[in-house]
Protein backbone atom coordinates (compact mmCIF):
# COMPACT_ATOMS: atom_id res chain seq x y z
CA MET A 1 -0.97 6.76 22.05
CA PRO A 2 -1.78 5.40 18.59
CA ALA A 3 1.03 4.21 16.35
CA VAL A 4 -0.41 5.84 13.23
CA SER A 5 -2.35 9.05 12.70
CA ILE A 6 -4.33 9.09 9.45
CA ILE A 7 -5.32 12.56 8.27
CA ILE A 8 -8.27 13.34 5.99
CA PRO A 9 -9.26 16.87 4.89
CA ALA A 10 -12.95 16.99 3.93
CA TYR A 11 -14.95 19.74 2.25
CA ASN A 12 -18.48 19.03 0.98
CA ALA A 13 -17.56 15.36 0.78
CA GLU A 14 -20.86 13.77 1.79
CA THR A 15 -20.88 11.36 -1.18
CA GLY A 16 -17.59 9.65 -0.37
CA ILE A 17 -16.45 10.47 3.14
CA GLU A 18 -18.16 7.56 4.92
CA ARG A 19 -16.67 5.00 2.53
CA CYS A 20 -13.25 6.60 3.04
CA VAL A 21 -13.36 6.63 6.86
CA ARG A 22 -14.83 3.15 7.17
CA SER A 23 -12.15 1.73 4.88
CA ILE A 24 -9.63 3.01 7.44
CA LEU A 25 -11.53 1.76 10.47
CA ASP A 26 -11.75 -1.66 8.79
CA GLN A 27 -7.98 -1.84 8.39
CA GLU A 28 -6.27 -5.00 9.59
CA TYR A 29 -3.97 -2.65 11.49
CA LYS A 30 -5.96 -1.32 14.46
CA ASP A 31 -3.51 0.85 16.40
CA LEU A 32 -4.45 4.11 14.75
CA GLU A 33 -6.39 7.34 15.03
CA VAL A 34 -8.33 9.04 12.23
CA LEU A 35 -8.18 12.83 12.21
CA VAL A 36 -10.85 14.17 9.88
CA VAL A 37 -10.95 17.91 9.31
CA ASP A 38 -14.37 19.20 8.29
CA ASP A 39 -13.17 22.29 6.43
CA GLY A 40 -16.35 24.38 6.71
CA SER A 41 -18.51 21.97 4.71
CA LYS A 42 -21.97 23.20 3.73
CA ASP A 43 -23.44 19.76 3.11
CA LEU A 44 -23.89 16.75 5.44
CA THR A 45 -20.16 15.99 5.75
CA GLY A 46 -19.91 17.21 9.36
CA GLU A 47 -23.00 15.31 10.49
CA ILE A 48 -21.82 12.08 8.85
CA LEU A 49 -18.43 12.38 10.54
CA ASP A 50 -19.92 13.12 13.97
CA ASN A 51 -22.10 10.01 13.72
CA ILE A 52 -19.12 7.82 12.84
CA ALA A 53 -17.10 9.33 15.71
CA LYS A 54 -19.85 8.29 18.14
CA GLU A 55 -19.39 4.68 17.00
CA ASP A 56 -15.59 4.56 17.12
CA ALA A 57 -13.42 6.49 19.57
CA ARG A 58 -10.48 6.35 17.14
CA VAL A 59 -12.19 8.96 14.97
CA VAL A 60 -11.48 12.58 15.88
CA VAL A 61 -13.52 15.16 13.98
CA ILE A 62 -12.17 18.70 13.75
CA HIS A 63 -14.69 21.30 12.61
CA LYS A 64 -13.23 24.57 11.33
CA GLU A 65 -14.01 27.45 9.02
CA ASN A 66 -13.10 26.89 5.41
CA GLY A 67 -9.41 27.59 4.90
CA GLY A 68 -8.37 25.21 2.16
CA VAL A 69 -6.88 21.73 2.05
CA SER A 70 -3.40 22.80 3.21
CA ALA A 71 -4.68 24.58 6.31
CA ALA A 72 -6.89 21.57 7.09
CA ARG A 73 -3.95 19.17 6.90
CA ASN A 74 -1.75 21.45 8.99
CA THR A 75 -4.41 21.61 11.69
CA ALA A 76 -4.51 17.82 11.86
CA ILE A 77 -0.72 17.41 11.77
CA LYS A 78 -0.43 19.59 14.88
CA GLN A 79 -2.96 17.44 16.75
CA ALA A 80 -1.67 14.07 15.53
CA LYS A 81 -0.41 11.78 18.31
CA GLY A 82 0.90 8.93 16.21
CA LYS A 83 4.48 7.87 15.63
CA TYR A 84 3.69 7.75 11.93
CA ILE A 85 1.57 9.95 9.68
CA GLN A 86 -0.58 8.73 6.81
CA PHE A 87 -2.88 10.76 4.57
CA SER A 88 -6.07 10.12 2.65
CA ASP A 89 -8.41 12.21 0.51
CA ALA A 90 -12.13 12.16 1.20
CA ASP A 91 -13.15 10.72 -2.20
CA ASP A 92 -10.77 7.77 -1.98
CA TRP A 93 -10.38 4.64 0.12
CA MET A 94 -7.70 2.25 1.37
CA ALA A 95 -7.09 -1.45 0.93
CA LYS A 96 -7.62 -3.42 4.14
CA GLU A 97 -3.92 -4.24 4.44
CA ALA A 98 -2.66 -0.72 3.60
CA THR A 99 -1.50 0.59 6.99
CA LYS A 100 -0.24 -2.81 8.11
CA LEU A 101 2.02 -3.15 5.07
CA LEU A 102 3.24 0.44 5.24
CA VAL A 103 4.17 0.18 8.93
CA ARG A 104 5.73 -3.26 8.49
CA THR A 105 7.88 -1.96 5.62
CA MET A 106 8.91 1.13 7.59
CA GLU A 107 10.01 -0.93 10.58
CA GLU A 108 11.56 -3.89 8.78
CA LYS A 109 13.51 -1.67 6.40
CA GLN A 110 14.30 0.82 9.17
CA CYS A 111 13.68 3.72 6.81
CA ASP A 112 12.29 7.25 7.12
CA MET A 113 9.57 7.08 4.45
CA VAL A 114 7.66 4.40 2.55
CA VAL A 115 6.17 4.99 -0.89
CA ALA A 116 3.67 2.45 -2.24
CA ASP A 117 1.85 1.59 -5.44
CA PHE A 118 -1.82 2.53 -5.77
CA TYR A 119 -4.92 1.85 -7.82
CA ARG A 120 -6.27 4.50 -10.16
CA VAL A 121 -10.07 4.41 -10.32
CA VAL A 122 -12.04 5.92 -13.19
CA LYS A 123 -15.74 5.05 -13.01
CA ASP A 124 -15.83 1.23 -13.03
CA ASN A 125 -12.24 0.74 -14.17
CA VAL A 126 -9.16 0.31 -12.03
CA SER A 127 -5.47 0.03 -12.90
CA ARG A 128 -2.33 -0.36 -10.86
CA LYS A 129 0.17 2.51 -10.75
CA GLY A 130 3.72 2.41 -9.42
CA ASN A 131 7.26 3.28 -10.38
CA ILE A 132 9.81 1.66 -8.07
CA SER A 133 10.21 -2.04 -7.37
CA GLN A 134 13.67 -1.89 -5.79
CA GLU A 135 13.80 -4.23 -2.80
CA LYS A 136 16.54 -2.52 -0.80
CA PRO A 137 15.93 0.86 0.86
CA MET A 138 17.09 3.81 -1.24
CA THR A 139 19.27 6.68 -0.20
CA ARG A 140 17.88 10.18 -0.65
CA GLN A 141 19.92 10.59 -3.81
CA GLU A 142 18.79 7.25 -5.28
CA TYR A 143 15.16 8.19 -4.70
CA ALA A 144 15.75 11.61 -6.28
CA GLU A 145 17.23 9.95 -9.36
CA TYR A 146 14.13 7.77 -9.73
CA MET A 147 11.97 10.87 -9.42
CA MET A 148 13.86 12.61 -12.22
CA GLU A 149 12.64 9.92 -14.62
CA SER A 150 8.95 10.81 -14.06
CA PRO A 151 8.90 14.13 -12.20
CA ALA A 152 5.19 14.83 -12.74
CA ASP A 153 4.02 11.38 -11.70
CA TYR A 154 1.47 11.20 -8.89
CA TYR A 155 3.55 8.39 -7.39
CA TYR A 156 6.07 10.97 -6.18
CA GLY A 157 3.91 14.04 -5.73
CA VAL A 158 0.91 12.93 -3.69
CA LEU A 159 0.67 12.26 0.05
CA TRP A 160 -1.71 9.32 0.21
CA ASN A 161 0.60 6.53 -1.01
CA LYS A 162 3.26 7.23 1.61
CA LEU A 163 4.01 6.77 5.31
CA TYR A 164 5.90 9.50 7.18
CA LYS A 165 7.60 9.80 10.56
CA LYS A 166 5.98 12.37 12.84
CA GLU A 167 9.36 12.98 14.49
CA ILE A 168 10.88 14.21 11.22
CA ILE A 169 7.86 16.43 10.49
CA ASP A 170 8.05 17.98 13.96
CA THR A 171 11.82 18.31 14.15
CA TYR A 172 12.08 20.23 10.87
CA ASN A 173 8.69 21.96 11.10
CA ILE A 174 7.54 20.49 7.80
CA CYS A 175 4.05 21.61 6.88
CA MET A 176 1.78 22.32 3.93
CA ASP A 177 2.44 25.71 2.29
CA GLU A 178 -0.94 27.42 2.68
CA SER A 179 -0.02 30.09 0.13
CA LEU A 180 0.02 27.53 -2.69
CA GLN A 181 -3.13 26.66 -4.61
CA TRP A 182 -1.59 23.78 -6.49
CA CYS A 183 1.11 21.15 -5.99
CA GLU A 184 1.35 21.86 -2.25
CA ASP A 185 1.57 18.12 -1.54
CA PHE A 186 4.51 17.79 -3.92
CA VAL A 187 6.34 20.61 -2.13
CA PHE A 188 5.66 18.90 1.22
CA ASN A 189 7.21 15.70 -0.14
CA LEU A 190 10.26 17.51 -1.50
CA GLU A 191 10.90 19.12 1.88
CA TYR A 192 10.34 15.86 3.76
CA VAL A 193 12.71 13.87 1.53
CA LEU A 194 15.45 16.43 2.21
CA HIS A 195 15.43 15.16 5.80
CA ALA A 196 14.85 11.46 5.07
CA ASP A 197 18.04 9.41 5.00
CA THR A 198 16.44 6.30 3.51
CA ILE A 199 13.22 5.62 1.57
CA ALA A 200 11.68 2.20 0.92
CA ALA A 201 9.40 1.27 -1.95
CA LEU A 202 6.40 -0.99 -1.33
CA PRO A 203 5.39 -2.36 -4.75
CA VAL A 204 1.92 -3.31 -3.55
CA PRO A 205 -1.14 -1.16 -4.34
CA VAL A 206 -2.57 -0.01 -1.01
CA TYR A 207 -4.80 2.92 -1.99
CA TYR A 208 -7.69 3.61 -4.34
CA TYR A 209 -7.40 7.05 -5.92
CA VAL A 210 -10.63 8.20 -7.53
CA LYS A 211 -10.26 10.55 -10.46
CA THR A 212 -12.73 13.39 -9.85
CA GLU A 213 -13.53 16.73 -11.38
CA GLY A 214 -11.33 19.50 -10.07
CA SER A 215 -7.96 18.41 -11.42
CA LEU A 216 -6.02 20.64 -13.79
CA VAL A 217 -7.05 18.73 -16.88
CA ALA A 218 -10.64 18.26 -15.69
CA LYS A 219 -10.95 22.04 -15.32
CA ASN A 220 -10.07 22.40 -19.01
CA LEU A 221 -7.20 24.74 -18.22
CA SER A 222 -5.03 25.57 -21.20
CA LEU A 223 -1.61 24.00 -21.55
CA THR A 224 -0.14 27.50 -21.25
CA LYS A 225 -1.84 28.03 -17.88
CA ILE A 226 -0.70 24.65 -16.59
CA VAL A 227 2.89 25.34 -17.65
CA GLN A 228 2.73 28.73 -15.93
CA MET A 229 1.74 27.07 -12.68
CA LYS A 230 4.39 24.41 -13.15
CA THR A 231 7.00 27.11 -13.71
CA SER A 232 6.06 28.75 -10.43
CA MET A 233 6.80 25.42 -8.71
CA PHE A 234 10.06 24.79 -10.52
CA SER A 235 12.12 26.77 -8.03
CA TYR A 236 11.09 24.32 -5.26
CA TYR A 237 11.93 21.35 -7.45
CA ASN A 238 15.21 22.82 -8.69
CA ASN A 239 16.37 23.80 -5.19
CA PHE A 240 15.57 20.29 -3.98
CA TYR A 241 18.04 18.80 -6.43
CA LYS A 242 20.64 21.44 -5.62
CA ASN A 243 20.48 20.23 -2.02
CA VAL A 244 20.40 16.51 -2.82
CA LEU A 245 23.01 16.27 -5.59
CA ASP A 246 26.59 17.40 -5.53
CA GLU A 247 27.44 20.25 -7.91
CA LYS A 248 28.96 18.05 -10.60
CA THR A 249 26.00 15.66 -10.65
CA TYR A 250 23.52 18.54 -10.54
CA ARG A 251 25.07 20.17 -13.60
CA ALA A 252 25.05 16.85 -15.46
CA GLU A 253 21.38 16.23 -14.61
CA ARG A 254 19.98 19.69 -15.34
CA MET A 255 18.16 18.53 -18.47
CA ASN A 256 16.50 15.68 -16.60
CA ILE A 257 15.50 18.05 -13.80
CA ALA A 258 13.93 20.35 -16.40
CA ARG A 259 11.61 17.49 -17.41
CA PHE A 260 9.41 18.62 -14.56
CA LEU A 261 8.24 21.37 -16.95
CA ILE A 262 8.06 19.15 -20.02
CA ASP A 263 5.83 16.64 -18.22
CA ALA A 264 3.41 19.41 -17.21
CA ALA A 265 0.36 18.11 -19.06
CA GLY A 266 0.76 14.49 -18.04
CA ASP A 267 -0.49 14.59 -14.47
CA ASP A 268 -4.06 13.45 -14.61
CA MET A 269 -5.01 11.58 -17.77
CA THR A 270 -7.80 9.00 -17.64
CA ILE A 271 -7.06 5.31 -17.58
CA PRO A 272 -6.75 3.92 -21.13
CA LEU A 273 -8.42 0.57 -21.71
CA VAL A 274 -5.18 -1.33 -22.05
CA PRO A 275 -3.97 -4.64 -20.61
CA GLY A 276 -3.68 -4.21 -16.84
CA THR A 277 -6.91 -2.25 -16.54
CA LYS A 278 -9.60 -4.22 -14.71
CA LYS A 279 -13.15 -3.74 -13.63
CA LEU A 280 -13.35 -2.40 -10.09
CA GLY A 281 -13.72 -5.37 -7.75
CA GLU A 282 -11.81 -7.77 -9.99
CA GLU A 283 -8.39 -6.59 -8.76
CA ASN A 284 -8.79 -8.65 -5.56
CA ILE A 285 -9.38 -12.32 -4.83
CA PRO A 286 -13.19 -12.66 -5.09
CA VAL A 287 -15.34 -14.14 -2.33
CA PHE A 288 -18.61 -15.16 -3.92
CA TYR A 289 -19.96 -17.76 -1.53
CA GLN A 290 -21.72 -16.34 1.51
CA SER A 291 -23.16 -18.51 4.27
CA ASP A 292 -24.42 -18.16 7.81
CA VAL A 293 -23.96 -21.89 8.39
CA ASN A 294 -21.12 -22.60 10.81
CA SER A 295 -19.86 -25.74 9.12
CA LEU A 296 -16.29 -26.89 8.68
CA PRO A 297 -16.42 -26.77 4.84
CA VAL A 298 -17.50 -23.10 5.01
CA THR A 299 -14.63 -22.38 7.44
CA VAL A 300 -12.19 -24.06 5.06
CA TYR A 301 -13.52 -21.94 2.17
CA TYR A 302 -13.13 -18.63 4.04
CA LEU A 303 -9.70 -19.64 5.35
CA GLN A 304 -8.54 -20.44 1.81
CA LYS A 305 -9.79 -17.06 0.57
CA ALA A 306 -8.04 -15.28 3.43
CA TYR A 307 -4.75 -16.94 2.53
CA ASP A 308 -5.26 -16.14 -1.17
CA ARG A 309 -5.90 -12.45 -0.37
CA HIS A 310 -2.71 -12.20 1.69
CA PHE A 311 -0.66 -14.20 -0.79
CA GLN A 312 -1.91 -11.96 -3.58
CA SER A 313 -0.19 -8.97 -1.96
CA ILE A 314 3.06 -10.94 -1.94
CA ALA A 315 2.57 -11.88 -5.59
CA LEU A 316 2.10 -8.21 -6.53
CA LYS A 317 5.10 -7.15 -4.48
CA TYR A 318 7.51 -9.56 -6.16
CA GLU A 319 5.87 -9.67 -9.61
CA MET A 320 4.95 -13.32 -9.19
CA SER A 321 1.81 -15.29 -9.88
CA LEU A 322 -0.43 -16.38 -7.02
CA LEU A 323 0.42 -19.99 -7.89
CA GLU A 324 4.15 -19.31 -7.51
CA VAL A 325 3.59 -17.89 -4.03
CA LYS A 326 1.51 -20.94 -3.11
CA ILE A 327 4.31 -23.22 -4.31
CA LEU A 328 6.80 -21.44 -2.05
CA PHE A 329 4.30 -21.75 0.78
CA CYS A 330 4.00 -25.46 0.09
CA VAL A 331 7.72 -26.20 0.03
CA THR A 332 8.42 -24.11 3.14
CA GLU A 333 5.60 -25.80 5.09
CA SER A 334 7.09 -29.24 4.49
CA HIS A 335 10.65 -30.55 4.39
CA GLN A 336 9.51 -33.64 2.50
CA VAL A 337 8.34 -32.21 -0.85
CA SER A 338 9.89 -34.51 -3.42
CA SER A 339 7.81 -34.15 -6.57
CA GLN A 340 5.60 -31.89 -8.64
CA LYS A 341 2.79 -34.31 -7.82
CA ASP A 342 3.16 -33.51 -4.09
CA ILE A 343 2.85 -29.78 -4.79
CA ALA A 344 -0.02 -30.18 -7.25
CA ASP A 345 -1.92 -32.30 -4.73
CA PHE A 346 -1.38 -29.78 -1.92
CA ILE A 347 -2.45 -26.75 -3.95
CA GLY A 348 -5.13 -28.44 -6.04
CA VAL A 349 -3.87 -27.65 -9.54
CA SER A 350 -2.52 -29.71 -12.43
CA GLN A 351 1.03 -31.05 -12.47
CA LEU A 352 1.56 -29.20 -15.76
CA SER A 353 0.75 -25.88 -14.07
CA VAL A 354 3.20 -26.71 -11.27
CA PHE A 355 5.88 -27.72 -13.78
CA ASN A 356 5.53 -24.44 -15.70
CA SER A 357 5.67 -22.39 -12.49
CA LEU A 358 8.64 -24.31 -11.10
CA THR A 359 10.51 -23.71 -14.35
CA LYS A 360 9.95 -19.94 -14.08
CA MET A 361 10.82 -19.92 -10.38
CA ALA A 362 14.03 -21.86 -10.96
CA MET A 363 15.08 -19.26 -13.55
CA LYS A 364 14.51 -16.56 -10.89
CA ASN A 365 16.53 -18.59 -8.35
CA TYR A 366 13.49 -18.93 -6.08
CA ILE A 367 13.50 -22.75 -6.07
CA ALA A 368 16.35 -25.17 -5.34
CA PHE A 369 16.48 -28.83 -6.29
CA SER A 370 18.62 -31.31 -4.37
CA VAL A 371 19.15 -35.01 -3.62
CA GLU A 372 19.51 -36.09 0.00
CA ASP A 373 19.84 -39.71 1.12
CA GLY A 374 18.93 -40.78 -2.37
CA LYS A 375 15.70 -38.75 -2.29
CA TYR A 376 14.81 -35.84 -4.58
CA HIS A 377 13.82 -32.61 -2.80
CA ILE A 378 12.27 -29.29 -3.86
CA ALA A 379 12.87 -26.36 -1.53
CA ALA A 380 12.94 -22.58 -1.41
CA ALA A 381 16.30 -21.16 -2.50
CA ALA A 382 18.24 -18.64 -0.41
CA HIS A 383 17.37 -15.94 -2.96
CA ALA A 384 13.70 -16.36 -2.05
CA LYS A 385 14.22 -15.60 1.65
CA PRO A 386 12.48 -12.16 1.58
CA ILE A 387 9.46 -13.80 -0.06
CA VAL A 388 9.45 -16.65 2.44
CA ASP A 389 9.63 -14.11 5.27
CA ASP A 390 6.58 -12.35 3.82
CA ILE A 391 4.78 -15.70 3.55
CA HIS A 392 5.43 -16.32 7.25
CA ASN A 393 4.08 -12.83 8.01
CA ALA A 394 0.99 -13.62 5.94
CA GLU A 395 0.46 -16.83 7.91
CA LYS A 396 0.62 -14.86 11.14
CA ASP A 397 -1.73 -12.20 9.77
CA VAL A 398 -4.33 -14.80 8.76
CA MET A 399 -4.13 -16.43 12.18
CA ASP A 400 -4.51 -13.03 13.85
CA LEU A 401 -7.63 -12.39 11.79
CA MET A 402 -9.05 -15.83 12.48
CA LEU A 403 -8.40 -15.63 16.23
CA LYS A 404 -9.35 -12.00 16.68
CA ASP A 405 -10.75 -11.34 20.19
CA PHE A 406 -9.73 -14.83 21.36
CA SER A 407 -8.07 -15.03 24.76
CA GLU A 408 -4.59 -16.56 25.08
CA GLU A 409 -6.13 -19.59 26.76
CA GLU A 410 -8.56 -20.03 23.87
CA LYS A 411 -5.72 -19.70 21.34
CA GLN A 412 -3.76 -22.44 23.10
CA GLN A 413 -6.84 -24.68 23.11
CA ILE A 414 -7.36 -24.05 19.38
CA GLN A 415 -3.71 -24.97 18.71
CA LYS A 416 -4.06 -28.26 20.59
CA MET A 417 -7.37 -29.06 18.90
CA THR A 418 -5.93 -28.28 15.47
CA GLU A 419 -3.03 -30.66 16.07
CA ARG A 420 -5.46 -33.42 17.07
CA ILE A 421 -7.76 -32.75 14.12
CA ASN A 422 -4.84 -32.81 11.66
CA CYS A 423 -3.54 -36.04 13.21
CA ASN A 424 -6.97 -37.71 12.97
CA LEU A 425 -7.51 -36.63 9.38
CA LYS A 426 -3.99 -37.56 8.31
CA ASN A 427 -4.31 -41.06 9.81
CA SER A 428 -7.70 -41.59 8.19
CA LEU A 429 -6.34 -40.64 4.76
């Protein structure tokens, strides 16, 4: 049985569905199934999906008569075999590390739901979206209080930036309300959270949401019409808070709860060209050099890029620079780091850059300075332990990628050879 079931409803999605499904199949996390519901498509969606399913047994295509996105998702939820449930829309795609990070957060934090940041894509522009950066898991009430601050935000309402437990969905018969034409995903989330004891935030963008025609604003609906639809949903939202908050707190927060109506027109605005918006493709560590030559320098280049990609996720998660993460990596890899020059030499940057980063990291209590046996030492501080743990996970992830499909015997041989190579190089230098 797969650990994760990823559900995609698809209707006339021939332009984007292959990119979406292949982004999931290319995930670093492999223990998954992809349930794609062809909801009576009249274009080539069904044929595209059937061809992909022939290539990869993890893809399960469900063809059905058109019944709407909620019915499609419900059909897949019933057939899902995974311990966890993840969703995607057919026009969007996932970052390679998405499912891995969601599952890791769920299991390390021992929570019932994970909510992650995402990228908003409008044509060639992309910007990061997210609301919660709290490191510790939240109680249901704490999460509800965050939601009150931005009740109409996609971060809370959509399905595709979250990871759910199938056990909770089955136990409480949580499903999409097929009678709703709008906001059905938000209602699903409200009902799920009522049965989730703890929720963890993953402040790393793991999903690319493509703004397409068909949203409320894109349809040019009047503000009055949008508010009318919002009002019809308010009873769900209001009842949610009645269940989550005690009576005294509920009465005190009624005005904040009512912001769900005030924020009605703010759901789906385009990305403004402000700092933080990037060209699509520039949000990740670039890999420009391509070579079919199996030389050691090329291997070193790709290995460095792999580490940078994984360290970038850590930098985003903790609001650090990539250089700061590399410095922590450097000082945790060696117990003999005694100067900025050592770090600068290891990373390949100027001592001034290292000095500036160390100053910022010391202010955040990420770096500790000490003197032992008359020698000056730079090390990771206790406050940086969660970051160091993530760095160790990143090291393991890079090794898993590098040694994919290697036998255990081959991995042991590689380890011995690496030790000998390092020894030879170190002695020669």
